[in-house]
Amino acid sequence: MTAAPLDKRLYFGDNLDIVREHVEDESVDLIYLDPPFNSDADYNVFFTSPKGREKSHAQIEAFKDTWHWGDESEREFHEILRGKNTRVGEMMVALRSYLGENDTMAYLVMMTNRLLELHRVLKPTGSLYLHCDPTASHYLKVVLDGVFGGRVFANEIIWRRSTGKSLMFRRLPTNHDVLFLYRKSDSCVWNEKAAFQEYDEVALPVKTAAKYKYRDENGRLYRLDNLVNPNTKRPNLTYEFLGVTRVWRWTKDRMQTAYEAGLVVQTRPGTVPQLKRYLDEQRGVALSDVWTDIPPLNSQARERLGYPTQKPLALLERIIKLSSNEGDVILDPFCGCGTAVHAAQKLGRGWIGIDITHLAISLIEKRLKDAFPGIELEVQGTPKDLSGARDLALRDKYQFQWWACSLVDAQPYQGHRKGADGGIDGLIWFADDKKAAKKIVVGVKGGDTVSVAMVRDLVHVVERENAAIGLFVTLAIPTRPMLTEAARAGFYECATNGKSYRKIQILTVSGLLDGTECADFPDLSGGITFRKAKREEGTAGQKALL
C-alpha cells in the first residue's frame, strides 16, 4: 500500500483568512508560530552580489513590526466578542479596559483572533509553540491561557539567542526569546527520546564524568553498576555467582548470559560482581526549559539567507522532533523565510506555510527547491493568470512589484525606503569579465497604460547605474513606439560567450505567465537573488520525494 503524499502547501495572504478558508478543523498535528514581536522596529532583507560582497543598498523592507489601534483592530475586537469562546471575549474586554486603545492592545487583538483559529485546526493530540520575546510575552501568556485553558500549559522555554551586550548602563541586557508550549489535550504527542541530548564525551557533566571513568578494549566509556536486588526476600533470585551469594536483580541464567557477553565483571576475586553500563547506550542529558546549546545565526553562518528574524534550523528541528511524528502536518502561519517548513520537510513531515508578503513566499519557494531538488509544492494566493495579476496590482503596488520581479528571477529592490527606488524595482547580478559583478535593472509597471517615456526613463536608469541590461516588465500591452525605443538602445555584448543581448527588453506579465516570453541575459553565475540554501542530503524529506 502506497503512503499518501505529504501535505506541502505554501500560501500568500493574511493567515487569518487562509486558516479560516483552507485549513480544516483538527487537521494539524503541530503549530509553530513566530509572529512579529510588537517591537516597533523595521526589518530588512539583505542580498549579495555574485562575488559575495554584501551591498548596503541591496536590501528591502520585509515587514514593519509596529501595530496601531484603528478600524481593523476595532473590527477584529468585536469579532472576538461575537465568537463562541465567551471566556476569551471577557478576557479581551478586561484587557482593553486595562490597556486602552493603544498599540499593545491592537497587537493582542490581532494575535487573539488568530490563536482562536489555530486552536480550532489543531488535533486533540497536537501542540502549539508560540515564539516571542519579553516585549509582550506576559500578555500573550494571558491570551494563550484564555484560548487553550491554563491547564494545558506545558512549558515556558527560554532560548538564549545571543550573548549579553556589555554596554548596558541602565538595565541588564536582553538576550533571550520565549517559547510557550501549549497542548490541545493531555493525549498530546510527546517523543521522550527527543527530550534527551547525546552525551559529548569531551564535555561530560562533572558527575557523569566521575561515574563513567572506565574504557573497554574498544575505547567505549562505561561505569560499574549494582546488581544486588534491594528486596532481600526473593528466594528465587538468591544464588551464588562467582563465589558470592546475594539476592540478585536477575535470574541465574540471565546473569550467566550477561557474564559471557562481557557485561558482568568482577574486579577481583571475592568482590561483588557488577554490571557494565555503557555511556553510548544511555538516554543522554535531559533537556531543561532553558536552551543555551543552540546558537543564533551570525552574519557568516552558512545557513543564513539574509532574512530578518531568521531562526536556526536546529531550533525548529528540536521542536518538531519533540512534538510530532513522521507523516504529521506542521503549520507555520507566520513563516517568514520558511525555517519551520524546511525543518518539517527535512524530517519527513507534511507542512503548511503562510506569509503575508510575496517577498517571503518567493524566498521560501527558492529555499525549498535549493535544499530539496525535485520537490513539488503547492503555492496558493499568488497570481496564476492576468486577472489575478491585475487584482494584486490594484490591492498592493509593492506586493505586485515583488511578485513581478520573481517572474524574471530578480531580487526585489526598494532603495533605502519605499518610494526612493530611483526607477529600480528589481536587480539581477551576473559575472562576465571576472573583474566586477554585472547588473541588470528591472522596472515594473502595474498600470493599465504604459508609454514610450517610461522606456526612455529605463534607458536613463541603465546608463546611470552602469547596468548591462534593463528589463521592462509591464502588465499592459506595450505600444509600437515603446518597442521602437527599446530597439534603439542597442545590445550588450557578452565578453565571456561572445553573444549579444538586447540592452532594453520589454516583457509582458501575460507572456511571462504563459511561457511565451522570457528575459534574455547571460546565465553565467546562475543569477544571484536570495542566498542559496544548502542542499539537504539523505533526509526523510528527500526520501519523501522519491
Protein backbone atom coordinates (compact mmCIF):
# COMPACT_ATOMS: atom_id res chain seq x y z
CA MET A 1 0.00 0.00 0.00
CA THR A 2 1.46 3.37 -1.04
CA ALA A 3 1.59 6.06 1.63
CA ALA A 4 -0.48 9.19 0.99
CA PRO A 5 1.59 12.13 -0.28
CA LEU A 6 2.62 14.60 2.39
CA ASP A 7 0.97 18.00 2.56
CA LYS A 8 3.23 20.70 1.06
CA ARG A 9 1.22 23.91 0.88
CA LEU A 10 2.51 27.47 0.75
CA TYR A 11 0.03 30.36 0.93
CA PHE A 12 0.44 34.05 0.18
CA GLY A 13 -2.01 36.20 2.11
CA ASP A 14 -3.44 37.07 5.52
CA ASN A 15 -3.11 34.00 7.74
CA LEU A 16 -6.45 34.68 9.43
CA ASP A 17 -8.33 34.39 6.15
CA ILE A 18 -6.26 31.46 4.89
CA VAL A 19 -6.58 29.37 8.05
CA ARG A 20 -10.33 30.00 8.09
CA GLU A 21 -10.83 29.14 4.43
CA HIS A 22 -8.25 26.44 3.73
CA VAL A 23 -7.41 24.55 6.94
CA GLU A 24 -9.95 22.06 8.26
CA ASP A 25 -10.95 21.51 11.88
CA GLU A 26 -8.49 19.32 13.84
CA SER A 27 -6.28 18.63 10.82
CA VAL A 28 -2.89 19.88 12.08
CA ASP A 29 -0.54 17.98 14.40
CA LEU A 30 1.84 20.76 15.42
CA ILE A 31 1.76 24.56 15.14
CA TYR A 32 4.84 26.75 15.42
CA LEU A 33 4.37 30.47 15.12
CA ASP A 34 6.99 33.18 15.27
CA PRO A 35 4.81 36.28 14.87
CA PRO A 36 6.07 39.86 14.92
CA PHE A 37 7.00 40.76 18.48
CA ASN A 38 5.46 44.28 18.54
CA SER A 39 9.00 45.63 18.90
CA ASP A 40 8.31 48.86 16.94
CA ALA A 41 11.12 48.00 14.52
CA ASP A 42 11.51 47.70 10.76
CA TYR A 43 13.26 44.64 9.31
CA ASN A 44 15.13 44.38 6.02
CA VAL A 45 16.20 41.50 3.81
CA PHE A 46 19.81 41.66 2.61
CA PHE A 47 21.18 40.29 -0.65
CA THR A 48 24.64 39.61 -2.01
CA SER A 49 26.32 40.20 -5.32
CA PRO A 50 27.79 37.26 -7.32
CA LYS A 51 31.19 37.81 -5.71
CA GLY A 52 29.67 37.57 -2.25
CA ARG A 53 30.19 41.20 -1.26
CA GLU A 54 27.22 42.43 0.73
CA LYS A 55 25.74 45.57 -0.83
CA SER A 56 24.38 48.00 1.72
CA HIS A 57 21.89 49.33 -0.83
CA ALA A 58 20.73 45.84 -1.84
CA GLN A 59 18.08 45.45 0.79
CA ILE A 60 14.35 45.65 1.04
CA GLU A 61 11.97 46.09 3.93
CA ALA A 62 10.47 42.72 4.83
CA PHE A 63 7.92 43.95 7.36
CA LYS A 64 7.20 46.59 9.96
CA ASP A 65 6.83 45.20 13.48
CA THR A 66 4.50 48.01 14.54
CA TRP A 67 0.81 47.98 15.42
CA HIS A 68 -1.70 50.80 15.91
CA TRP A 69 -5.29 50.81 17.12
CA GLY A 70 -7.68 51.62 14.30
CA ASP A 71 -10.68 50.41 12.35
CA GLU A 72 -9.16 46.97 11.73
CA SER A 73 -8.43 46.46 15.44
CA GLU A 74 -11.95 47.57 16.34
CA ARG A 75 -13.46 45.19 13.78
CA GLU A 76 -11.40 42.21 14.98
CA PHE A 77 -12.12 43.04 18.62
CA HIS A 78 -15.88 42.84 18.05
CA GLU A 79 -15.36 39.69 16.00
CA ILE A 80 -13.83 38.10 19.11
CA LEU A 81 -16.78 39.25 21.25
CA ARG A 82 -19.24 37.67 18.82
CA GLY A 83 -17.32 34.38 18.78
CA LYS A 84 -18.20 31.14 20.53
CA ASN A 85 -15.50 31.41 23.19
CA THR A 86 -17.15 33.77 25.68
CA ARG A 87 -14.28 33.29 28.13
CA VAL A 88 -11.86 34.83 25.62
CA GLY A 89 -14.30 37.65 24.93
CA GLU A 90 -14.49 38.50 28.62
CA MET A 91 -10.70 38.38 28.87
CA MET A 92 -10.30 40.81 25.94
CA VAL A 93 -12.80 43.24 27.44
CA ALA A 94 -10.77 43.21 30.67
CA LEU A 95 -7.50 43.75 28.79
CA ARG A 96 -8.98 46.63 26.81
CA SER A 97 -10.26 48.20 29.99
CA TYR A 98 -6.77 47.98 31.48
CA LEU A 99 -4.64 48.84 28.43
CA GLY A 100 -6.96 51.13 26.50
CA GLU A 101 -6.91 51.50 22.70
CA ASN A 102 -3.15 51.52 22.25
CA ASP A 103 -0.53 49.72 20.15
CA THR A 104 -0.20 46.78 22.57
CA MET A 105 -3.96 46.20 22.58
CA ALA A 106 -4.03 46.30 18.77
CA TYR A 107 -1.30 43.65 18.70
CA LEU A 108 -3.10 41.43 21.22
CA VAL A 109 -6.38 41.63 19.29
CA MET A 110 -4.56 40.55 16.12
CA MET A 111 -2.93 37.64 17.92
CA THR A 112 -6.06 36.50 19.79
CA ASN A 113 -8.17 36.22 16.66
CA ARG A 114 -5.51 34.07 15.02
CA LEU A 115 -4.89 31.90 18.07
CA LEU A 116 -8.59 31.08 18.22
CA GLU A 117 -8.42 29.79 14.64
CA LEU A 118 -5.20 27.89 15.32
CA HIS A 119 -6.83 26.18 18.30
CA ARG A 120 -9.69 25.11 16.00
CA VAL A 121 -7.42 23.43 13.42
CA LEU A 122 -5.17 21.68 15.97
CA LYS A 123 -5.80 17.97 16.56
CA PRO A 124 -6.58 16.76 20.10
CA THR A 125 -3.10 15.18 20.07
CA GLY A 126 -1.48 18.40 18.85
CA SER A 127 0.71 21.06 20.43
CA LEU A 128 1.41 24.73 19.77
CA TYR A 129 4.70 26.59 20.28
CA LEU A 130 4.45 30.37 20.28
CA HIS A 131 7.81 32.11 19.84
CA CYS A 132 8.03 35.64 21.24
CA ASP A 133 10.28 37.92 23.29
CA PRO A 134 9.77 39.74 26.62
CA THR A 135 8.13 42.71 24.86
CA ALA A 136 4.65 41.21 25.13
CA SER A 137 5.19 37.65 26.40
CA HIS A 138 3.33 38.31 29.68
CA TYR A 139 0.22 39.44 27.79
CA LEU A 140 0.49 36.64 25.23
CA LYS A 141 0.51 34.04 28.01
CA VAL A 142 -2.73 35.50 29.35
CA VAL A 143 -4.22 35.24 25.85
CA LEU A 144 -3.00 31.65 25.46
CA ASP A 145 -4.48 30.70 28.82
CA GLY A 146 -7.79 32.12 27.64
CA VAL A 147 -7.75 30.32 24.29
CA PHE A 148 -6.31 26.96 25.38
CA GLY A 149 -7.01 26.95 29.11
CA GLY A 150 -4.25 27.22 31.69
CA ARG A 151 -4.50 23.51 32.48
CA VAL A 152 -2.84 22.52 29.21
CA PHE A 153 0.07 24.94 29.53
CA ALA A 154 3.20 22.78 29.43
CA ASN A 155 6.33 24.93 29.37
CA GLU A 156 7.80 28.39 29.12
CA ILE A 157 11.01 27.68 27.25
CA ILE A 158 13.85 30.19 27.31
CA TRP A 159 16.14 30.24 24.27
CA ARG A 160 19.34 32.24 24.61
CA ARG A 161 19.55 33.84 21.18
CA SER A 162 22.69 35.95 21.76
CA THR A 163 25.37 36.77 24.27
CA GLY A 164 24.71 39.75 26.53
CA LYS A 165 25.93 43.10 25.26
CA SER A 166 28.41 44.71 27.63
CA LEU A 167 27.45 48.35 27.04
CA MET A 168 24.21 48.43 29.06
CA PHE A 169 24.17 51.31 31.53
CA ARG A 170 20.64 51.42 32.94
CA ARG A 171 19.48 47.79 32.78
CA LEU A 172 20.65 44.25 32.15
CA PRO A 173 20.99 43.16 28.51
CA THR A 174 18.12 41.28 26.88
CA ASN A 175 19.43 38.22 25.10
CA HIS A 176 16.69 35.59 25.16
CA ASP A 177 13.44 34.67 23.45
CA VAL A 178 10.46 32.88 24.98
CA LEU A 179 8.60 29.87 23.58
CA PHE A 180 5.26 28.97 25.15
CA LEU A 181 4.26 25.33 24.74
CA TYR A 182 0.53 24.60 24.97
CA ARG A 183 -1.21 21.29 24.28
CA LYS A 184 -4.69 20.72 22.94
CA SER A 185 -5.25 17.93 25.47
CA ASP A 186 -3.47 15.52 27.79
CA SER A 187 -3.20 12.98 24.93
CA CYS A 188 -0.68 15.11 23.00
CA VAL A 189 2.23 13.61 21.09
CA TRP A 190 5.45 13.75 23.10
CA ASN A 191 8.61 11.96 22.00
CA GLU A 192 10.54 11.44 25.20
CA LYS A 193 13.63 10.27 23.33
CA ALA A 194 13.92 13.68 21.68
CA ALA A 195 13.97 15.30 25.13
CA PHE A 196 17.47 13.93 25.69
CA GLN A 197 20.74 15.01 24.08
CA GLU A 198 23.52 12.56 23.36
CA TYR A 199 26.47 12.81 25.71
CA ASP A 200 29.54 14.63 24.43
CA GLU A 201 32.50 12.64 25.74
CA VAL A 202 34.81 15.65 25.69
CA ALA A 203 32.38 17.81 27.66
CA LEU A 204 30.61 15.49 30.08
CA PRO A 205 28.84 16.88 33.14
CA VAL A 206 31.10 16.59 36.17
CA LYS A 207 29.01 13.95 37.95
CA THR A 208 28.63 11.88 34.78
CA ALA A 209 32.37 12.01 34.09
CA ALA A 210 33.07 10.81 37.64
CA LYS A 211 30.85 7.76 37.12
CA TYR A 212 31.84 6.83 33.57
CA LYS A 213 35.57 6.56 34.18
CA TYR A 214 36.33 3.18 32.57
CA ARG A 215 37.00 2.28 28.94
CA ASP A 216 36.80 -1.17 27.38
CA GLU A 217 39.20 -2.54 24.77
CA ASN A 218 37.25 -0.68 22.05
CA GLY A 219 37.50 2.64 23.82
CA ARG A 220 33.86 2.78 24.91
CA LEU A 221 33.20 4.58 28.19
CA TYR A 222 31.32 2.68 30.89
CA ARG A 223 30.52 2.70 34.59
CA LEU A 224 30.02 -0.15 37.06
CA ASP A 225 26.50 -0.55 38.45
CA ASN A 226 25.00 -2.54 41.29
CA LEU A 227 23.45 -5.96 40.52
CA VAL A 228 22.19 -6.66 44.04
CA ASN A 229 18.42 -6.70 44.47
CA PRO A 230 17.15 -4.16 47.05
CA ASN A 231 14.41 -6.69 48.01
CA THR A 232 16.11 -9.21 50.27
CA LYS A 233 13.07 -11.55 50.36
CA ARG A 234 13.41 -13.08 46.90
CA PRO A 235 14.48 -16.72 47.39
CA ASN A 236 14.13 -17.44 43.67
CA LEU A 237 16.81 -14.81 42.97
CA THR A 238 19.13 -15.90 45.77
CA TYR A 239 22.12 -17.89 44.49
CA GLU A 240 25.91 -17.99 44.32
CA PHE A 241 27.64 -16.34 41.40
CA LEU A 242 31.43 -16.07 41.01
CA GLY A 243 31.81 -17.19 44.62
CA VAL A 244 29.43 -14.52 46.00
CA THR A 245 25.94 -15.26 47.33
CA ARG A 246 23.41 -12.43 47.17
CA VAL A 247 19.81 -11.71 46.24
CA TRP A 248 20.40 -10.66 42.65
CA ARG A 249 18.33 -8.49 40.31
CA TRP A 250 18.42 -11.13 37.56
CA THR A 251 17.86 -14.85 37.26
CA LYS A 252 20.97 -17.02 37.21
CA ASP A 253 20.56 -17.83 33.51
CA ARG A 254 20.35 -14.15 32.59
CA MET A 255 23.33 -13.39 34.81
CA GLN A 256 25.39 -16.10 33.12
CA THR A 257 24.45 -14.87 29.65
CA ALA A 258 25.44 -11.30 30.54
CA TYR A 259 28.72 -12.53 32.04
CA GLU A 260 29.60 -14.47 28.89
CA ALA A 261 28.83 -11.33 26.87
CA GLY A 262 31.32 -9.39 28.97
CA LEU A 263 28.69 -7.20 30.63
CA VAL A 264 29.13 -8.58 34.18
CA VAL A 265 32.58 -8.12 35.70
CA GLN A 266 34.29 -8.95 38.96
CA THR A 267 37.08 -6.50 39.64
CA ARG A 268 38.93 -9.05 41.78
CA PRO A 269 38.15 -12.46 43.35
CA GLY A 270 35.62 -12.27 46.16
CA THR A 271 34.20 -8.87 45.26
CA VAL A 272 30.55 -8.48 44.32
CA PRO A 273 30.08 -8.74 40.51
CA GLN A 274 28.89 -5.53 38.86
CA LEU A 275 27.23 -4.54 35.61
CA LYS A 276 28.88 -2.57 32.82
CA ARG A 277 26.67 0.35 31.74
CA TYR A 278 27.95 1.96 28.56
CA LEU A 279 27.64 5.71 28.16
CA ASP A 280 26.60 5.50 24.49
CA GLU A 281 23.62 3.32 25.44
CA GLN A 282 22.17 5.86 27.89
CA ARG A 283 19.48 8.36 27.01
CA GLY A 284 21.81 11.30 27.40
CA VAL A 285 21.40 14.67 29.07
CA ALA A 286 17.80 15.64 29.71
CA LEU A 287 16.71 18.93 28.17
CA SER A 288 15.52 21.60 30.55
CA ASP A 289 13.30 24.56 29.75
CA VAL A 290 16.37 26.78 29.27
CA TRP A 291 18.05 26.17 25.89
CA THR A 292 21.57 27.56 25.64
CA ASP A 293 23.04 24.97 23.29
CA ILE A 294 21.52 26.25 20.02
CA PRO A 295 23.43 29.34 18.91
CA PRO A 296 21.79 32.11 16.89
CA LEU A 297 22.67 32.64 13.25
CA ASN A 298 25.53 35.09 12.97
CA SER A 299 26.20 37.10 9.82
CA GLN A 300 28.66 34.49 8.49
CA ALA A 301 26.51 31.42 9.13
CA ARG A 302 26.19 29.14 6.07
CA GLU A 303 22.52 28.69 6.89
CA ARG A 304 21.77 32.41 6.90
CA LEU A 305 19.64 33.65 3.99
CA GLY A 306 19.62 37.35 4.80
CA TYR A 307 16.06 37.38 6.15
CA PRO A 308 15.44 39.32 9.38
CA THR A 309 14.49 37.31 12.47
CA GLN A 310 15.59 34.03 10.82
CA LYS A 311 15.78 31.26 13.40
CA PRO A 312 18.28 28.35 13.38
CA LEU A 313 17.15 25.15 11.69
CA ALA A 314 18.31 23.20 14.78
CA LEU A 315 15.78 25.05 16.93
CA LEU A 316 12.85 24.05 14.72
CA GLU A 317 14.14 20.50 14.31
CA ARG A 318 14.15 20.10 18.09
CA ILE A 319 10.58 21.36 18.41
CA ILE A 320 9.31 19.15 15.58
CA LYS A 321 11.06 16.05 16.94
CA LEU A 322 9.67 16.64 20.42
CA SER A 323 6.03 17.12 19.47
CA SER A 324 5.31 15.31 16.19
CA ASN A 325 5.90 12.08 14.28
CA GLU A 326 6.87 11.35 10.69
CA GLY A 327 3.94 11.98 8.37
CA ASP A 328 2.34 14.55 10.70
CA VAL A 329 1.35 18.01 9.44
CA ILE A 330 3.15 21.13 10.70
CA LEU A 331 1.59 24.59 10.36
CA ASP A 332 3.51 27.86 10.48
CA PRO A 333 1.16 30.82 9.94
CA PHE A 334 3.94 33.46 10.09
CA CYS A 335 6.51 31.51 8.12
CA GLY A 336 8.89 34.34 7.12
CA CYS A 337 11.85 32.71 5.40
CA GLY A 338 10.48 29.21 5.95
CA THR A 339 12.71 27.64 8.59
CA ALA A 340 9.81 25.67 10.10
CA VAL A 341 8.65 24.25 6.76
CA HIS A 342 12.28 23.48 5.82
CA ALA A 343 12.71 21.52 9.07
CA ALA A 344 9.38 19.76 8.56
CA GLN A 345 10.34 18.70 5.02
CA LYS A 346 13.75 17.52 6.21
CA LEU A 347 12.20 15.40 8.97
CA GLY A 348 9.55 13.76 6.78
CA ARG A 349 6.55 15.80 7.90
CA GLY A 350 3.87 17.47 5.85
CA TRP A 351 3.58 21.22 6.20
CA ILE A 352 1.51 24.34 5.60
CA GLY A 353 3.25 27.71 5.47
CA ILE A 354 1.58 31.13 5.30
CA ASP A 355 3.02 34.61 4.90
CA ILE A 356 1.53 37.96 4.03
CA THR A 357 4.41 39.15 1.82
CA HIS A 358 5.31 37.81 -1.59
CA LEU A 359 8.94 38.52 -0.70
CA ALA A 360 8.77 35.74 1.92
CA ILE A 361 6.87 33.34 -0.35
CA SER A 362 9.44 33.77 -3.14
CA LEU A 363 12.30 33.20 -0.70
CA ILE A 364 10.71 30.06 0.78
CA GLU A 365 9.94 28.58 -2.62
CA LYS A 366 13.54 29.08 -3.72
CA ARG A 367 14.90 27.84 -0.38
CA LEU A 368 12.98 24.57 -0.58
CA LYS A 369 13.90 23.96 -4.21
CA ASP A 370 17.58 24.58 -3.41
CA ALA A 371 17.53 22.33 -0.33
CA PHE A 372 15.31 19.59 -1.79
CA PRO A 373 15.84 19.37 -5.57
CA GLY A 374 12.77 17.88 -7.25
CA ILE A 375 10.35 18.91 -4.51
CA GLU A 376 6.81 19.52 -5.69
CA LEU A 377 4.96 22.07 -3.61
CA GLU A 378 1.68 23.89 -3.96
CA VAL A 379 1.80 27.72 -3.89
CA GLN A 380 -1.59 29.39 -3.48
CA GLY A 381 -2.62 33.03 -3.37
CA THR A 382 -0.07 34.26 -5.90
CA PRO A 383 -1.33 35.29 -9.35
CA LYS A 384 -1.66 32.47 -11.85
CA ASP A 385 -3.19 34.48 -14.70
CA LEU A 386 -3.56 38.06 -15.94
CA SER A 387 -6.72 38.81 -13.95
CA GLY A 388 -5.01 37.66 -10.75
CA ALA A 389 -2.02 39.87 -11.53
CA ARG A 390 -4.29 42.88 -12.11
CA ASP A 391 -6.08 42.23 -8.85
CA LEU A 392 -2.77 42.12 -6.93
CA ALA A 393 -1.57 45.32 -8.62
CA LEU A 394 -4.74 47.12 -7.53
CA ARG A 395 -4.61 45.79 -3.97
CA ASP A 396 -0.92 46.32 -3.21
CA LYS A 397 1.56 48.03 -5.51
CA TYR A 398 4.64 46.76 -3.71
CA GLN A 399 3.49 43.15 -3.42
CA PHE A 400 2.80 43.24 -7.17
CA GLN A 401 6.29 44.59 -7.86
CA TRP A 402 7.90 41.89 -5.72
CA TRP A 403 5.83 39.19 -7.41
CA ALA A 404 6.61 40.53 -10.91
CA CYS A 405 10.33 40.52 -10.05
CA SER A 406 10.06 36.83 -9.23
CA LEU A 407 8.83 36.17 -12.80
CA VAL A 408 12.28 37.11 -14.10
CA ASP A 409 14.22 35.74 -11.08
CA ALA A 410 15.16 39.21 -9.88
CA GLN A 411 15.76 40.26 -6.29
CA PRO A 412 13.28 42.97 -5.22
CA TYR A 413 14.68 46.44 -4.62
CA GLN A 414 13.25 49.50 -2.94
CA GLY A 415 16.31 51.58 -2.15
CA HIS A 416 16.68 52.89 1.37
CA ARG A 417 12.95 53.48 1.82
CA LYS A 418 9.71 52.97 -0.04
CA GLY A 419 9.30 55.40 -2.92
CA ALA A 420 13.05 56.01 -3.19
CA ASP A 421 13.95 53.24 -5.64
CA GLY A 422 15.37 55.56 -8.31
CA GLY A 423 13.43 53.79 -11.05
CA ILE A 424 14.62 50.32 -10.00
CA ASP A 425 12.19 47.67 -8.79
CA GLY A 426 14.48 44.65 -9.06
CA LEU A 427 18.08 43.60 -9.66
CA ILE A 428 19.79 40.62 -11.25
CA TRP A 429 23.54 40.09 -10.94
CA PHE A 430 25.84 38.06 -13.14
CA ALA A 431 29.60 37.82 -13.70
CA ASP A 432 31.02 38.35 -17.18
CA ASP A 433 34.62 39.54 -17.44
CA LYS A 434 35.61 38.32 -13.94
CA LYS A 435 36.51 41.87 -12.93
CA ALA A 436 33.25 43.00 -11.39
CA ALA A 437 29.65 41.97 -10.94
CA LYS A 438 27.41 42.96 -13.83
CA LYS A 439 23.98 44.32 -13.09
CA ILE A 440 20.56 44.01 -14.74
CA VAL A 441 17.96 46.51 -13.57
CA VAL A 442 14.26 45.67 -13.60
CA GLY A 443 11.42 48.19 -13.86
CA VAL A 444 7.86 47.01 -13.16
CA LYS A 445 4.72 48.79 -14.32
CA GLY A 446 1.36 47.67 -12.97
CA GLY A 447 -0.87 50.32 -14.51
CA ASP A 448 -3.38 49.96 -17.34
CA THR A 449 -1.37 52.17 -19.67
CA VAL A 450 2.31 52.48 -20.47
CA SER A 451 4.19 54.96 -22.64
CA VAL A 452 7.39 55.47 -24.57
CA ALA A 453 8.52 57.93 -21.87
CA MET A 454 8.70 55.04 -19.41
CA VAL A 455 11.09 53.18 -21.71
CA ARG A 456 13.27 56.29 -22.02
CA ASP A 457 13.32 56.52 -18.22
CA LEU A 458 14.57 52.93 -18.01
CA VAL A 459 17.29 53.70 -20.58
CA HIS A 460 18.46 56.56 -18.36
CA VAL A 461 18.45 54.28 -15.30
CA VAL A 462 20.55 51.67 -17.12
CA GLU A 463 23.06 54.37 -18.09
CA ARG A 464 23.10 55.95 -14.63
CA GLU A 465 23.62 52.60 -12.90
CA ASN A 466 26.17 51.42 -15.48
CA ALA A 467 23.98 48.35 -15.87
CA ALA A 468 24.37 45.78 -18.63
CA ILE A 469 20.67 45.30 -19.39
CA GLY A 470 17.32 46.76 -18.43
CA LEU A 471 14.12 44.68 -18.19
CA PHE A 472 10.78 46.47 -18.54
CA VAL A 473 8.04 44.24 -17.07
CA THR A 474 4.56 45.52 -17.83
CA LEU A 475 1.00 44.48 -17.04
CA ALA A 476 -0.30 46.45 -20.03
CA ILE A 477 0.48 45.69 -23.68
CA PRO A 478 3.41 47.84 -24.89
CA THR A 479 2.88 50.28 -27.76
CA ARG A 480 4.79 50.15 -31.04
CA PRO A 481 6.73 53.37 -30.21
CA MET A 482 7.85 51.68 -26.96
CA LEU A 483 9.21 48.67 -28.86
CA THR A 484 10.99 51.02 -31.29
CA GLU A 485 12.55 52.99 -28.42
CA ALA A 486 13.75 49.79 -26.77
CA ALA A 487 15.35 48.61 -30.03
CA ARG A 488 17.27 51.92 -30.34
CA ALA A 489 19.11 51.16 -27.10
CA GLY A 490 21.18 48.52 -28.92
CA PHE A 491 22.86 45.46 -27.45
CA TYR A 492 25.03 44.31 -24.59
CA GLU A 493 27.99 42.30 -25.87
CA CYS A 494 28.94 39.46 -23.52
CA ALA A 495 32.73 39.10 -23.23
CA THR A 496 32.55 35.53 -21.95
CA ASN A 497 30.32 33.84 -24.51
CA GLY A 498 30.53 36.38 -27.36
CA LYS A 499 26.74 36.66 -27.66
CA SER A 500 24.66 39.82 -27.98
CA TYR A 501 21.66 40.63 -25.78
CA ARG A 502 19.14 43.43 -26.23
CA LYS A 503 20.03 46.30 -23.92
CA ILE A 504 16.37 47.05 -23.18
CA GLN A 505 13.87 44.19 -23.13
CA ILE A 506 10.12 44.70 -22.80
CA LEU A 507 8.30 41.75 -21.24
CA THR A 508 4.59 41.40 -20.56
CA VAL A 509 3.22 39.73 -17.45
CA SER A 510 0.89 37.63 -19.60
CA GLY A 511 3.80 36.39 -21.73
CA LEU A 512 5.90 35.56 -18.69
CA LEU A 513 3.00 33.65 -17.14
CA ASP A 514 2.21 31.55 -20.22
CA GLY A 515 5.87 30.96 -21.09
CA THR A 516 5.82 32.71 -24.47
CA GLU A 517 8.26 35.37 -23.25
CA CYS A 518 11.36 35.24 -21.08
CA ALA A 519 14.23 37.51 -20.15
CA ASP A 520 17.35 37.02 -22.26
CA PHE A 521 20.64 37.57 -20.48
CA PRO A 522 23.93 35.71 -19.88
CA ASP A 523 23.42 32.82 -17.49
CA LEU A 524 26.99 32.91 -16.20
CA SER A 525 26.51 32.71 -12.44
CA GLY A 526 23.03 31.34 -12.02
CA GLY A 527 21.72 34.86 -11.39
CA ILE A 528 22.06 35.83 -7.74
CA THR A 529 18.86 36.76 -5.93
CA PHE A 530 18.17 35.32 -2.49
CA ARG A 531 21.06 33.50 -0.90
CA LYS A 532 21.15 29.83 -1.79
CA ALA A 533 20.08 27.30 0.82
CA LYS A 534 22.29 24.28 1.44
CA ARG A 535 21.12 21.11 -0.26
CA GLU A 536 19.83 18.53 2.22
CA GLU A 537 21.24 15.06 1.58
CA GLY A 538 19.80 11.75 2.76
CA THR A 539 16.98 13.22 4.83
CA ALA A 540 13.49 11.90 5.44
CA GLY A 541 12.30 14.78 3.30
CA GLN A 542 14.41 13.61 0.36
CA LYS A 543 13.01 10.08 0.71
CA ALA A 544 9.50 11.52 0.60
CA LEU A 545 10.28 12.96 -2.85
CA LEU A 546 11.06 9.56 -4.36
